[in-house]
Amino acid sequence: MDTAAARKQCEAAAIMIDDEVVRLVARYSPAAAESIATLVATLAAALEALEEAQETQRLADEAIGHASIALGERAREVELLKRERDEA
């Protein structure tokens, strides 16, 4: 799931769980209100973790790309050295 979809789901959940609903639930069941608050906090934390994971993945992909380029350059250097050695 991408960040935009996750954010949309979190926002939808937050819209469905508005303050008035929490007040009404808290009035009759403080434990349920606490569960709702925990759910909303968990959704926010999950979204943040997803965004951090995607940034880490982007950085890893970038590092892999740089390493691949460097490896290709090194392989060409080795081939050139082998050719020079064989010609000598």
Protein backbone atom coordinates (compact mmCIF):
# COMPACT_ATOMS: atom_id res chain seq x y z
CA MET A 1 0.00 0.00 0.00
CA ASP A 2 1.42 3.41 -0.85
CA THR A 3 1.51 6.39 1.48
CA ALA A 4 -1.32 8.22 -0.23
CA ALA A 5 -3.68 5.26 0.13
CA ALA A 6 -2.67 4.74 3.75
CA ARG A 7 -3.14 8.43 4.50
CA LYS A 8 -6.57 8.35 2.88
CA GLN A 9 -7.57 5.37 5.02
CA CYS A 10 -6.31 7.08 8.19
CA GLU A 11 -8.16 10.27 7.33
CA ALA A 12 -11.33 8.28 6.60
CA ALA A 13 -11.03 6.54 9.96
CA ALA A 14 -10.48 9.87 11.70
CA ILE A 15 -13.54 11.34 9.98
CA MET A 16 -15.63 8.36 11.04
CA ILE A 17 -14.36 8.68 14.62
CA ASP A 18 -15.05 12.34 15.34
CA ASP A 19 -14.95 14.08 18.70
CA GLU A 20 -18.70 13.92 19.27
CA VAL A 21 -18.73 10.16 18.83
CA VAL A 22 -15.83 9.82 21.26
CA ARG A 23 -17.64 12.00 23.82
CA LEU A 24 -20.79 9.92 23.54
CA VAL A 25 -18.89 6.66 23.79
CA ALA A 26 -16.84 7.99 26.73
CA ARG A 27 -20.01 8.84 28.54
CA TYR A 28 -21.23 5.24 28.42
CA SER A 29 -17.97 3.32 28.12
CA PRO A 30 -14.69 4.99 29.07
CA ALA A 31 -12.81 1.82 28.07
CA ALA A 32 -14.30 1.97 24.55
CA ALA A 33 -13.38 5.65 24.26
CA GLU A 34 -9.83 4.80 25.30
CA SER A 35 -9.75 2.05 22.66
CA ILE A 36 -10.87 4.52 20.00
CA ALA A 37 -8.17 6.99 21.05
CA THR A 38 -5.59 4.20 20.92
CA LEU A 39 -6.81 3.18 17.46
CA VAL A 40 -6.49 6.71 16.11
CA ALA A 41 -3.01 7.08 17.63
CA THR A 42 -2.01 3.69 16.21
CA LEU A 43 -3.21 4.68 12.74
CA ALA A 44 -1.12 7.84 12.87
CA ALA A 45 1.94 5.92 14.06
CA ALA A 46 1.43 3.28 11.37
CA LEU A 47 1.24 5.94 8.68
CA GLU A 48 4.44 7.56 9.94
CA ALA A 49 6.18 4.17 10.01
CA LEU A 50 5.01 3.48 6.46
CA GLU A 51 6.38 6.81 5.25
CA GLU A 52 9.72 6.14 6.98
CA ALA A 53 9.88 2.65 5.47
CA GLN A 54 9.21 4.03 2.00
CA GLU A 55 11.95 6.64 2.43
CA THR A 56 14.35 3.93 3.61
CA GLN A 57 13.41 1.82 0.59
CA ARG A 58 14.01 4.79 -1.73
CA LEU A 59 17.44 5.39 -0.20
CA ALA A 60 18.29 1.69 -0.42
CA ASP A 61 17.25 1.59 -4.08
CA GLU A 62 19.39 4.64 -4.74
CA ALA A 63 22.38 3.06 -2.96
CA ILE A 64 21.91 -0.17 -4.92
CA GLY A 65 21.86 1.84 -8.14
CA HIS A 66 25.11 3.61 -7.25
CA ALA A 67 26.73 0.32 -6.21
CA SER A 68 25.65 -1.30 -9.46
CA ILE A 69 27.17 1.52 -11.48
CA ALA A 70 30.41 1.32 -9.49
CA LEU A 71 30.53 -2.45 -9.90
CA GLY A 72 30.01 -2.13 -13.64
CA GLU A 73 32.81 0.43 -13.87
CA ARG A 74 35.12 -1.81 -11.84
CA ALA A 75 34.30 -4.79 -14.07
CA ARG A 76 35.20 -2.73 -17.15
CA GLU A 77 38.49 -1.71 -15.51
CA VAL A 78 39.31 -5.34 -14.74
CA GLU A 79 38.54 -6.37 -18.32
CA LEU A 80 40.74 -3.56 -19.61
CA LEU A 81 43.59 -4.63 -17.32
CA LYS A 82 43.20 -8.26 -18.44
CA ARG A 83 43.30 -7.20 -22.08
CA GLU A 84 46.40 -5.07 -21.50
CA ARG A 85 48.06 -7.95 -19.65
CA ASP A 86 47.23 -10.42 -22.42
CA GLU A 87 48.55 -8.05 -25.08
CA ALA A 88 51.82 -7.52 -23.18
